[in-house]
N, C-alpha and C. Protein backbone atom coordinates (compact mmCIF):
# COMPACT_ATOMS: atom_id res chain seq x y z
N MET A 1 -48.16 19.66 -17.76
CA MET A 1 -47.51 20.17 -16.97
C MET A 1 -47.01 18.78 -15.68
N LYS A 2 -48.19 17.93 -16.13
CA LYS A 2 -47.60 16.71 -15.28
C LYS A 2 -46.54 15.95 -16.12
N ASN A 3 -46.42 16.21 -17.21
CA ASN A 3 -44.99 15.23 -17.88
C ASN A 3 -43.61 16.29 -17.33
N ILE A 4 -44.21 17.36 -17.05
CA ILE A 4 -43.22 18.49 -16.66
C ILE A 4 -42.45 17.75 -15.31
N LEU A 5 -43.69 17.65 -14.75
CA LEU A 5 -43.45 17.47 -13.02
C LEU A 5 -42.76 15.79 -12.88
N PHE A 6 -43.18 15.09 -13.85
CA PHE A 6 -42.75 13.89 -14.01
C PHE A 6 -41.01 13.11 -14.38
N ILE A 7 -40.69 14.54 -15.67
CA ILE A 7 -39.27 14.37 -16.09
C ILE A 7 -38.71 15.10 -15.01
N LEU A 8 -38.84 16.04 -14.03
CA LEU A 8 -38.29 16.73 -13.10
C LEU A 8 -38.21 15.74 -11.82
N LEU A 9 -39.03 15.15 -11.75
CA LEU A 9 -38.85 14.25 -10.39
C LEU A 9 -37.88 13.03 -11.00
N LEU A 10 -37.67 12.36 -12.07
CA LEU A 10 -37.20 11.56 -12.73
C LEU A 10 -35.93 11.89 -12.72
N PHE A 11 -35.38 12.97 -13.19
CA PHE A 11 -33.69 13.55 -13.33
C PHE A 11 -33.48 14.02 -11.91
N SER A 12 -34.32 14.08 -10.85
CA SER A 12 -34.01 14.86 -9.20
C SER A 12 -33.18 13.74 -8.45
N THR A 13 -33.46 12.51 -8.85
CA THR A 13 -33.42 11.32 -8.31
C THR A 13 -32.40 10.24 -8.78
N LYS A 14 -31.68 9.73 -7.81
CA LYS A 14 -30.48 8.93 -8.30
C LYS A 14 -30.76 7.39 -8.31
N PRO A 15 -30.44 6.86 -9.32
CA PRO A 15 -31.16 5.68 -9.05
C PRO A 15 -30.32 4.60 -8.48
N GLY A 16 -30.85 3.68 -8.15
CA GLY A 16 -29.52 2.36 -6.74
C GLY A 16 -28.99 3.07 -6.38
N VAL A 17 -29.50 4.50 -5.88
CA VAL A 17 -29.03 4.90 -4.33
C VAL A 17 -29.88 4.79 -3.62
N SER A 18 -29.60 4.17 -2.39
CA SER A 18 -30.27 4.47 -1.04
C SER A 18 -29.84 5.42 -0.02
N GLN A 19 -30.56 5.87 0.73
CA GLN A 19 -30.57 6.44 2.32
C GLN A 19 -28.67 5.86 2.54
N SER A 20 -29.26 4.40 2.62
CA SER A 20 -28.26 3.64 4.01
C SER A 20 -27.57 3.05 2.90
N GLU A 21 -27.22 3.17 1.63
CA GLU A 21 -25.72 2.85 0.97
C GLU A 21 -24.84 3.76 1.32
N SER A 22 -25.27 5.15 1.41
CA SER A 22 -24.58 6.42 1.43
C SER A 22 -24.30 6.64 3.24
N SER A 23 -24.98 5.87 3.99
CA SER A 23 -25.04 6.38 5.58
C SER A 23 -23.02 5.61 6.02
N ALA A 24 -23.23 4.51 5.58
CA ALA A 24 -21.80 3.54 6.10
C ALA A 24 -20.55 4.57 6.06
N LYS A 25 -19.83 4.39 6.72
CA LYS A 25 -18.60 5.14 6.17
C LYS A 25 -17.11 3.90 7.03
N ILE A 26 -16.41 3.98 6.20
CA ILE A 26 -14.86 3.53 6.70
C ILE A 26 -14.78 3.98 7.87
N ASP A 27 -14.52 2.81 9.10
CA ASP A 27 -13.78 3.35 10.13
C ASP A 27 -12.48 3.27 10.32
N TRP A 28 -11.85 4.13 9.56
CA TRP A 28 -10.37 4.94 9.97
C TRP A 28 -10.10 4.84 11.01
N THR A 29 -8.81 4.36 11.32
CA THR A 29 -8.37 4.80 12.89
C THR A 29 -6.79 4.93 12.96
N THR A 30 -5.80 5.22 13.46
CA THR A 30 -4.43 5.07 13.77
C THR A 30 -3.75 4.45 14.32
N TRP A 31 -2.39 4.15 13.90
CA TRP A 31 -1.43 3.36 14.68
C TRP A 31 -1.50 3.46 16.07
N GLU A 32 -1.73 4.50 17.00
CA GLU A 32 -2.09 4.00 17.96
C GLU A 32 -3.38 3.63 18.40
N ASN A 33 -4.12 3.38 18.33
CA ASN A 33 -5.77 2.72 18.25
C ASN A 33 -5.27 1.70 17.96
N VAL A 34 -5.17 1.55 17.26
CA VAL A 34 -4.32 -0.14 16.76
C VAL A 34 -3.84 -0.87 17.43
N LEU A 35 -3.33 -0.69 18.39
CA LEU A 35 -1.73 -1.08 19.22
C LEU A 35 -2.75 -1.19 20.36
N THR A 36 -3.67 -0.30 20.84
CA THR A 36 -4.40 -0.50 22.38
C THR A 36 -5.62 -1.41 21.69
N LYS A 37 -6.28 -0.86 20.41
CA LYS A 37 -7.06 -2.11 20.42
C LYS A 37 -6.79 -3.90 20.44
N THR A 38 -5.78 -3.61 19.02
CA THR A 38 -5.35 -5.17 19.23
C THR A 38 -5.53 -5.61 20.69
N GLN A 39 -5.07 -5.44 21.85
CA GLN A 39 -5.00 -6.30 23.45
C GLN A 39 -6.11 -6.65 23.52
N SER A 40 -6.78 -6.01 23.19
CA SER A 40 -8.26 -6.27 23.52
C SER A 40 -9.21 -7.15 22.78
N ALA A 41 -9.05 -6.95 21.68
CA ALA A 41 -10.26 -6.91 20.54
C ALA A 41 -9.25 -7.35 19.53
N PRO A 42 -8.03 -8.71 19.45
CA PRO A 42 -7.72 -8.76 18.48
C PRO A 42 -8.07 -8.80 17.28
N ARG A 43 -7.57 -8.17 15.68
CA ARG A 43 -8.26 -8.28 14.62
C ARG A 43 -7.21 -8.21 13.71
N LYS A 44 -7.19 -8.22 12.44
CA LYS A 44 -6.72 -7.99 11.13
C LYS A 44 -5.97 -6.31 10.72
N VAL A 45 -5.60 -5.98 10.32
CA VAL A 45 -5.25 -4.71 10.30
C VAL A 45 -5.39 -4.42 8.49
N MET A 46 -5.91 -3.69 8.13
CA MET A 46 -5.46 -3.42 6.43
C MET A 46 -4.98 -1.98 6.70
N VAL A 47 -3.58 -1.61 5.70
CA VAL A 47 -3.54 -0.70 5.90
C VAL A 47 -3.42 0.08 4.27
N PHE A 48 -4.09 1.18 4.27
CA PHE A 48 -4.43 1.50 2.67
C PHE A 48 -3.23 2.85 2.66
N VAL A 49 -1.97 2.27 2.03
CA VAL A 49 -1.03 3.41 1.48
C VAL A 49 -1.04 3.93 0.45
N THR A 50 -1.01 5.27 0.30
CA THR A 50 -1.64 5.98 -0.83
C THR A 50 -0.58 7.80 -0.52
N THR A 51 -0.75 8.70 -1.69
CA THR A 51 -0.62 9.64 -0.97
C THR A 51 -1.24 11.08 -1.37
N ASP A 52 -0.72 12.15 -0.98
CA ASP A 52 -1.74 13.36 -1.60
C ASP A 52 -2.16 13.28 -2.79
N TRP A 53 -0.84 12.87 -3.66
CA TRP A 53 -1.03 13.28 -4.89
C TRP A 53 -0.94 12.16 -5.83
N ALA A 54 -1.50 10.44 -5.12
CA ALA A 54 -1.44 9.64 -6.47
C ALA A 54 -3.04 8.93 -6.67
N GLY A 55 -3.28 9.70 -7.82
CA GLY A 55 -4.53 9.89 -8.50
C GLY A 55 -5.66 8.63 -8.39
N TRP A 56 -4.84 7.24 -8.77
CA TRP A 56 -5.32 5.87 -8.74
C TRP A 56 -5.56 5.76 -7.12
N GLY A 57 -4.98 6.43 -6.20
CA GLY A 57 -4.91 5.84 -4.77
C GLY A 57 -6.53 6.78 -4.37
N LYS A 58 -6.62 8.23 -4.89
CA LYS A 58 -8.12 8.76 -4.71
C LYS A 58 -8.99 8.22 -5.60
N ARG A 59 -8.59 7.49 -6.65
CA ARG A 59 -9.85 6.82 -7.36
C ARG A 59 -10.16 5.47 -6.36
N MET A 60 -9.43 5.11 -6.09
CA MET A 60 -9.79 3.42 -4.84
C MET A 60 -10.40 3.85 -3.95
N GLU A 61 -9.78 4.71 -3.31
CA GLU A 61 -10.41 5.13 -1.72
C GLU A 61 -12.07 5.59 -2.58
N SER A 62 -12.29 6.77 -2.98
CA SER A 62 -13.41 6.96 -4.12
C SER A 62 -14.41 5.58 -3.70
N GLU A 63 -13.80 4.98 -4.58
CA GLU A 63 -14.81 3.73 -5.31
C GLU A 63 -15.05 2.67 -3.62
N ILE A 64 -14.35 2.32 -3.16
CA ILE A 64 -14.45 1.28 -2.11
C ILE A 64 -15.10 1.91 -0.75
N ASN A 65 -15.15 4.05 -0.84
CA ASN A 65 -16.37 4.68 -0.07
C ASN A 65 -17.77 4.56 -0.25
N LYS A 66 -17.92 3.76 -1.54
CA LYS A 66 -19.06 4.23 -2.67
C LYS A 66 -19.46 2.38 -2.15
N THR A 67 -18.68 1.80 -1.69
CA THR A 67 -19.41 0.12 -2.46
C THR A 67 -19.67 0.00 -0.41
N GLN A 68 -20.81 -0.07 -0.20
CA GLN A 68 -21.02 -0.69 1.00
C GLN A 68 -20.88 -2.34 1.15
N GLU A 69 -20.79 -3.45 0.75
CA GLU A 69 -20.28 -4.45 0.91
C GLU A 69 -19.15 -4.00 1.34
N ILE A 70 -17.78 -3.27 0.74
CA ILE A 70 -16.45 -3.93 1.25
C ILE A 70 -16.27 -2.58 2.56
N ILE A 71 -16.93 -1.91 2.73
CA ILE A 71 -16.99 -0.78 4.05
C ILE A 71 -17.60 -2.53 5.02
N LYS A 72 -18.43 -2.64 5.03
CA LYS A 72 -19.18 -3.69 5.67
C LYS A 72 -17.85 -4.76 6.07
N LEU A 73 -17.00 -5.14 4.95
CA LEU A 73 -16.26 -5.80 5.32
C LEU A 73 -14.70 -5.27 5.94
N LEU A 74 -14.55 -4.65 5.89
CA LEU A 74 -13.27 -3.66 6.18
C LEU A 74 -14.16 -3.37 7.43
N ASN A 75 -15.37 -2.98 7.81
CA ASN A 75 -15.25 -2.63 9.48
C ASN A 75 -15.77 -3.26 10.30
N ASN A 76 -16.10 -5.09 9.54
CA ASN A 76 -16.26 -5.90 10.73
C ASN A 76 -15.19 -6.56 10.64
N ASN A 77 -14.07 -6.76 9.70
CA ASN A 77 -13.04 -7.40 10.02
C ASN A 77 -11.76 -6.74 9.92
N TYR A 78 -11.79 -5.64 9.99
CA TYR A 78 -10.19 -4.85 10.06
C TYR A 78 -10.17 -3.98 10.89
N TYR A 79 -9.20 -3.50 11.44
CA TYR A 79 -9.10 -1.94 11.77
C TYR A 79 -8.56 -1.71 10.35
N VAL A 80 -8.48 -0.53 10.39
CA VAL A 80 -7.96 0.31 8.92
C VAL A 80 -7.75 1.30 9.32
N ILE A 81 -6.59 1.65 8.12
CA ILE A 81 -5.52 2.82 8.61
C ILE A 81 -5.40 3.07 7.47
N LYS A 82 -5.26 4.67 7.31
CA LYS A 82 -5.00 4.91 5.88
C LYS A 82 -3.57 6.27 6.35
N MET A 83 -2.43 5.32 5.31
CA MET A 83 -1.38 6.22 5.87
C MET A 83 -0.54 6.79 4.32
N ASP A 84 -0.57 8.13 4.50
CA ASP A 84 0.06 8.77 3.48
C ASP A 84 1.42 8.41 3.72
N ALA A 85 1.90 7.48 2.57
CA ALA A 85 3.46 6.89 2.88
C ALA A 85 4.87 8.19 2.65
N GLU A 86 4.17 9.63 2.16
CA GLU A 86 4.92 11.10 2.38
C GLU A 86 4.70 11.18 4.18
N GLN A 87 4.28 10.82 4.66
CA GLN A 87 3.99 11.62 6.11
C GLN A 87 5.15 11.89 6.67
N LYS A 88 5.12 13.60 7.03
CA LYS A 88 6.43 13.82 7.72
C LYS A 88 6.74 13.56 9.24
N GLU A 89 5.69 13.65 9.57
CA GLU A 89 5.27 13.15 11.30
C GLU A 89 6.07 12.11 12.01
N ASP A 90 6.75 11.61 12.90
CA ASP A 90 7.10 10.08 12.92
C ASP A 90 5.66 9.06 13.49
N ILE A 91 6.12 8.45 13.45
CA ILE A 91 5.45 7.43 14.18
C ILE A 91 5.95 6.14 14.63
N SER A 92 5.43 6.43 15.98
CA SER A 92 6.25 5.18 16.68
C SER A 92 5.40 3.98 16.96
N ILE A 93 5.94 3.09 17.09
CA ILE A 93 4.91 1.61 17.19
C ILE A 93 5.95 0.63 18.45
N SER A 94 5.67 0.39 18.98
CA SER A 94 6.22 -0.20 20.06
C SER A 94 7.72 0.28 20.31
N GLY A 95 8.27 1.32 20.75
CA GLY A 95 8.85 1.65 21.01
C GLY A 95 9.93 2.02 19.54
N ARG A 96 9.85 1.43 18.41
CA ARG A 96 10.45 1.97 17.44
C ARG A 96 9.80 3.54 16.51
N ILE A 97 10.86 4.21 16.20
CA ILE A 97 10.19 5.35 15.64
C ILE A 97 10.78 5.31 14.36
N TYR A 98 9.53 5.65 13.27
CA TYR A 98 9.38 5.75 12.24
C TYR A 98 9.92 7.34 11.77
N ARG A 99 10.88 7.49 10.62
CA ARG A 99 10.76 9.15 10.71
C ARG A 99 10.64 9.27 9.35
N TYR A 100 10.29 10.54 8.79
CA TYR A 100 10.53 10.97 7.10
C TYR A 100 12.10 11.26 6.29
N ILE A 101 12.35 10.34 5.73
CA ILE A 101 13.19 10.65 4.79
C ILE A 101 13.38 11.04 3.74
N PRO A 102 13.88 12.09 3.56
CA PRO A 102 14.13 13.52 2.59
C PRO A 102 14.46 12.10 1.19
N ASN A 103 13.77 12.47 -0.19
CA ASN A 103 14.63 12.06 -0.75
C ASN A 103 14.12 12.95 -2.23
N GLY A 104 15.31 13.40 -3.05
CA GLY A 104 14.95 14.24 -4.06
C GLY A 104 13.44 15.33 -3.58
N ARG A 105 12.40 15.47 -4.74
CA ARG A 105 11.91 16.60 -4.58
C ARG A 105 10.71 15.97 -3.14
N ARG A 106 10.81 14.44 -3.54
CA ARG A 106 9.94 14.08 -2.43
C ARG A 106 10.49 13.35 -1.13
N GLY A 107 10.15 13.04 -0.32
CA GLY A 107 10.74 11.69 0.84
C GLY A 107 9.54 10.79 0.69
N TYR A 108 9.59 9.88 1.88
CA TYR A 108 8.68 8.57 2.53
C TYR A 108 9.13 8.79 3.82
N ASN A 109 8.13 7.92 4.56
CA ASN A 109 8.47 7.54 6.06
C ASN A 109 8.71 6.10 5.92
N GLU A 110 9.56 5.64 6.66
CA GLU A 110 10.13 4.74 6.95
C GLU A 110 9.32 3.51 7.23
N LEU A 111 8.34 4.04 7.62
CA LEU A 111 7.07 2.64 8.36
C LEU A 111 6.48 2.25 6.52
N ALA A 112 6.49 3.34 5.81
CA ALA A 112 6.09 3.16 4.31
C ALA A 112 6.92 1.80 3.66
N ALA A 113 8.23 2.37 3.88
CA ALA A 113 9.05 1.47 2.95
C ALA A 113 9.63 0.25 3.42
N GLU A 114 8.96 -0.09 5.02
CA GLU A 114 9.20 -1.21 5.75
C GLU A 114 7.70 -2.12 5.19
N LEU A 115 6.78 -1.25 5.21
CA LEU A 115 5.71 -2.69 5.31
C LEU A 115 5.69 -2.73 3.48
N LEU A 116 5.70 -1.99 2.28
CA LEU A 116 5.83 -1.90 0.71
C LEU A 116 7.31 -2.83 0.39
N ASN A 117 8.32 -3.07 1.53
CA ASN A 117 9.21 -4.00 0.93
C ASN A 117 10.14 -3.10 -0.05
N GLY A 118 9.74 -1.92 0.36
CA GLY A 118 10.73 -0.59 -0.52
C GLY A 118 10.54 -0.26 -2.30
N ARG A 119 9.51 -0.98 -2.55
CA ARG A 119 8.66 -1.02 -3.40
C ARG A 119 7.19 0.15 -3.32
N MET A 120 8.07 1.24 -3.11
CA MET A 120 7.38 2.74 -2.97
C MET A 120 6.26 3.21 -4.48
N SER A 121 5.17 2.25 -4.70
CA SER A 121 4.18 2.35 -5.67
C SER A 121 2.87 2.43 -5.23
N TYR A 122 2.04 3.63 -5.40
CA TYR A 122 0.80 3.62 -4.61
C TYR A 122 -0.58 3.38 -5.69
N PRO A 123 -1.67 3.49 -5.26
CA PRO A 123 -1.83 2.95 -3.89
C PRO A 123 -1.24 1.65 -3.56
N ALA A 124 -1.34 1.06 -2.07
CA ALA A 124 -0.86 0.10 -1.78
C ALA A 124 -1.50 -0.26 -0.67
N ILE A 125 -1.99 -2.03 -0.69
CA ILE A 125 -2.55 -2.25 0.60
C ILE A 125 -1.79 -3.33 1.69
N VAL A 126 -1.81 -3.09 2.54
CA VAL A 126 -0.85 -3.99 3.38
C VAL A 126 -1.65 -4.42 4.51
N PHE A 127 -1.57 -6.09 4.33
CA PHE A 127 -2.39 -6.82 5.20
C PHE A 127 -1.58 -7.27 6.87
N LEU A 128 -2.15 -7.50 7.61
CA LEU A 128 -1.12 -7.48 8.84
C LEU A 128 -1.66 -8.92 9.45
N ASP A 129 -1.68 -9.53 11.01
CA ASP A 129 -2.73 -10.74 11.20
C ASP A 129 -3.06 -9.76 12.75
N GLU A 130 -3.24 -10.28 13.41
CA GLU A 130 -3.76 -10.32 14.76
C GLU A 130 -2.85 -10.01 15.63
N LYS A 131 -1.79 -10.29 15.31
CA LYS A 131 -0.14 -9.78 16.24
C LYS A 131 0.58 -9.20 15.87
N LEU A 132 0.29 -8.40 14.45
CA LEU A 132 0.43 -7.51 13.66
C LEU A 132 1.91 -7.45 12.68
N SER A 133 1.93 -8.70 12.54
CA SER A 133 2.66 -9.17 12.07
C SER A 133 2.39 -9.28 9.89
N LYS A 134 3.34 -8.87 9.57
CA LYS A 134 2.98 -8.40 7.98
C LYS A 134 2.56 -9.81 7.61
N ILE A 135 1.51 -10.09 6.54
CA ILE A 135 0.59 -10.81 5.69
C ILE A 135 1.65 -10.78 4.23
N THR A 136 1.33 -9.50 4.23
CA THR A 136 1.48 -9.10 2.86
C THR A 136 1.16 -7.86 2.34
N PHE A 137 1.29 -7.26 1.03
CA PHE A 137 1.12 -6.02 0.40
C PHE A 137 0.73 -6.34 -0.79
N ILE A 138 -0.09 -5.47 -1.15
CA ILE A 138 -0.54 -5.57 -3.26
C ILE A 138 -0.51 -4.33 -3.27
N ASN A 139 0.27 -3.75 -4.28
CA ASN A 139 0.50 -2.98 -5.11
C ASN A 139 -0.86 -2.44 -5.96
N GLY A 140 -0.66 -1.43 -6.33
CA GLY A 140 -1.43 -0.95 -7.71
C GLY A 140 -3.07 -0.91 -7.00
N TYR A 141 -3.97 0.06 -7.86
CA TYR A 141 -5.13 0.16 -7.50
C TYR A 141 -5.68 -0.86 -7.97
N GLN A 142 -6.94 -1.45 -7.19
CA GLN A 142 -8.07 -2.51 -7.31
C GLN A 142 -9.29 -2.14 -7.35
N THR A 143 -10.20 -2.73 -8.37
CA THR A 143 -11.07 -2.80 -8.61
C THR A 143 -12.27 -3.08 -7.53
N PRO A 144 -13.61 -2.71 -7.23
CA PRO A 144 -14.23 -2.80 -6.00
C PRO A 144 -13.97 -4.15 -5.96
N ILE A 145 -14.81 -5.05 -7.27
CA ILE A 145 -15.07 -6.67 -7.21
C ILE A 145 -13.54 -7.64 -6.30
N LYS A 146 -12.50 -6.81 -7.43
CA LYS A 146 -11.03 -7.45 -6.84
C LYS A 146 -10.52 -7.30 -5.40
N MET A 147 -11.39 -6.02 -4.82
CA MET A 147 -10.97 -5.59 -3.64
C MET A 147 -11.96 -6.26 -2.60
N ASP A 148 -12.85 -7.22 -3.10
CA ASP A 148 -14.19 -7.55 -2.13
C ASP A 148 -13.60 -8.75 -2.40
N ALA A 149 -13.25 -9.67 -3.21
CA ALA A 149 -12.38 -10.52 -3.06
C ALA A 149 -11.24 -10.66 -1.97
N ILE A 150 -10.35 -10.14 -1.75
CA ILE A 150 -8.72 -9.75 -1.43
C ILE A 150 -9.32 -9.52 0.26
N LEU A 151 -10.19 -9.11 0.49
CA LEU A 151 -10.74 -8.75 1.59
C LEU A 151 -11.31 -10.02 2.46
N ASN A 152 -11.99 -10.83 1.53
CA ASN A 152 -12.73 -12.17 2.11
C ASN A 152 -11.29 -13.02 2.33
N TYR A 153 -10.80 -12.63 1.20
CA TYR A 153 -9.61 -13.80 1.35
C TYR A 153 -8.27 -13.41 2.70
N PHE A 154 -8.38 -12.38 2.63
CA PHE A 154 -7.42 -12.14 4.11
C PHE A 154 -8.62 -12.43 5.15
N ALA A 155 -9.41 -11.60 5.40
CA ALA A 155 -10.81 -12.23 6.16
C ALA A 155 -10.48 -13.40 6.75
N LYS A 156 -10.65 -14.27 6.21
CA LYS A 156 -11.63 -15.64 6.49
C LYS A 156 -10.17 -16.45 6.58
N ASP A 157 -8.61 -16.11 6.02
CA ASP A 157 -7.55 -17.05 6.90
C ASP A 157 -7.66 -17.74 5.62
N ILE A 158 -8.35 -17.47 4.02
CA ILE A 158 -8.22 -18.19 2.97
C ILE A 158 -6.72 -18.74 2.73
N TYR A 159 -5.72 -17.42 3.02
CA TYR A 159 -4.59 -17.30 2.82
C TYR A 159 -3.73 -18.41 3.10
N LYS A 160 -4.32 -18.97 3.93
CA LYS A 160 -3.42 -20.37 4.52
C LYS A 160 -3.15 -21.45 3.97
N GLU A 161 -4.71 -21.32 3.22
CA GLU A 161 -5.28 -23.32 2.47
C GLU A 161 -4.76 -22.64 1.45
N ILE A 162 -5.26 -21.85 0.31
CA ILE A 162 -4.61 -21.92 -1.53
C ILE A 162 -4.34 -20.33 -1.28
N THR A 163 -3.57 -20.72 -3.12
CA THR A 163 -3.19 -18.98 -3.49
C THR A 163 -4.50 -18.10 -3.76
N PHE A 164 -3.93 -16.67 -3.75
CA PHE A 164 -4.82 -16.07 -4.47
C PHE A 164 -5.50 -16.41 -5.78
N GLU A 165 -4.43 -16.72 -6.35
CA GLU A 165 -4.95 -16.65 -8.05
C GLU A 165 -5.84 -18.26 -7.92
N GLN A 166 -5.86 -19.12 -7.24
CA GLN A 166 -6.98 -20.25 -7.11
C GLN A 166 -8.16 -19.69 -6.39
N TYR A 167 -8.18 -18.68 -5.33
CA TYR A 167 -9.31 -18.30 -5.07
C TYR A 167 -10.07 -17.37 -5.98
N TRP A 168 -8.82 -16.62 -6.48
CA TRP A 168 -9.72 -15.42 -7.52
C TRP A 168 -10.52 -16.52 -8.83
N ARG A 169 -10.17 -17.65 -8.74
CA ARG A 169 -10.69 -18.35 -10.48
C ARG A 169 -11.64 -18.60 -9.57
N ASN A 170 -12.12 -19.01 -8.64
CA ASN A 170 -13.23 -19.89 -8.15
C ASN A 170 -14.39 -18.67 -7.64
N TYR A 171 -13.64 -17.46 -6.64
CA TYR A 171 -14.60 -15.93 -6.60
C TYR A 171 -15.27 -16.13 -7.77
N LYS A 172 -14.59 -15.67 -8.91
CA LYS A 172 -14.79 -15.54 -10.32
C LYS A 172 -16.34 -16.81 -10.74
N ILE A 173 -15.89 -17.49 -10.97
CA ILE A 173 -17.23 -18.60 -11.01
C ILE A 173 -18.33 -18.43 -10.05
N GLU A 174 -18.12 -18.09 -8.98
CA GLU A 174 -19.10 -17.95 -7.86
C GLU A 174 -20.39 -17.00 -8.30
N LYS A 175 -19.25 -15.90 -8.22
CA LYS A 175 -19.86 -14.34 -8.91
C LYS A 175 -20.19 -13.85 -9.97
N GLY A 176 -19.86 -15.39 -11.19
CA GLY A 176 -20.17 -15.43 -12.68
C GLY A 176 -19.51 -14.08 -13.06
N ILE A 177 -18.47 -14.03 -13.16
CA ILE A 177 -17.62 -13.02 -13.64
C ILE A 177 -17.15 -13.19 -14.76
N ILE A 178 -16.86 -12.80 -15.63
CA ILE A 178 -16.38 -13.42 -16.99
C ILE A 178 -15.39 -11.89 -17.28
N ASP A 179 -13.75 -12.94 -17.70
CA ASP A 179 -12.89 -12.13 -18.39
C ASP A 179 -13.09 -11.96 -19.40
């Protein structure tokens, strides 16, 4: 009987997952809130651009939501917007209206096209500075480790000093990551 209870207890717990790990959530916001917040508390903006059908976008979002270090980095350093690139509702930013453009069976929002320089590939992450000017965008799925490096690279303004390739090389050495 003791062995059965031990086995049940062993398989009913999730190793490596604590209550605090599952409690923090990304503080997603909207374009409207970002426009207001940056006036009083300037901060960089990260826009997660995806669609409802993009499998890699869903996977990336799921992995980010499970990684407390990334959630903390995002919430402490960025305003974070999740944007559906195929959003049909207009988006108004500083008097400019971005509309949905039908294109075949699917379409896209003009803002997504502008942020991604017309390279409509998902998922993508876009970084804006404190004045909402685009720093850059990165297309494609990012692992949690790579995402951590990317977020630190922009949050700490390292992008002003060295290329990401140089930073990534140093980051991997510091973290003991072997390719």
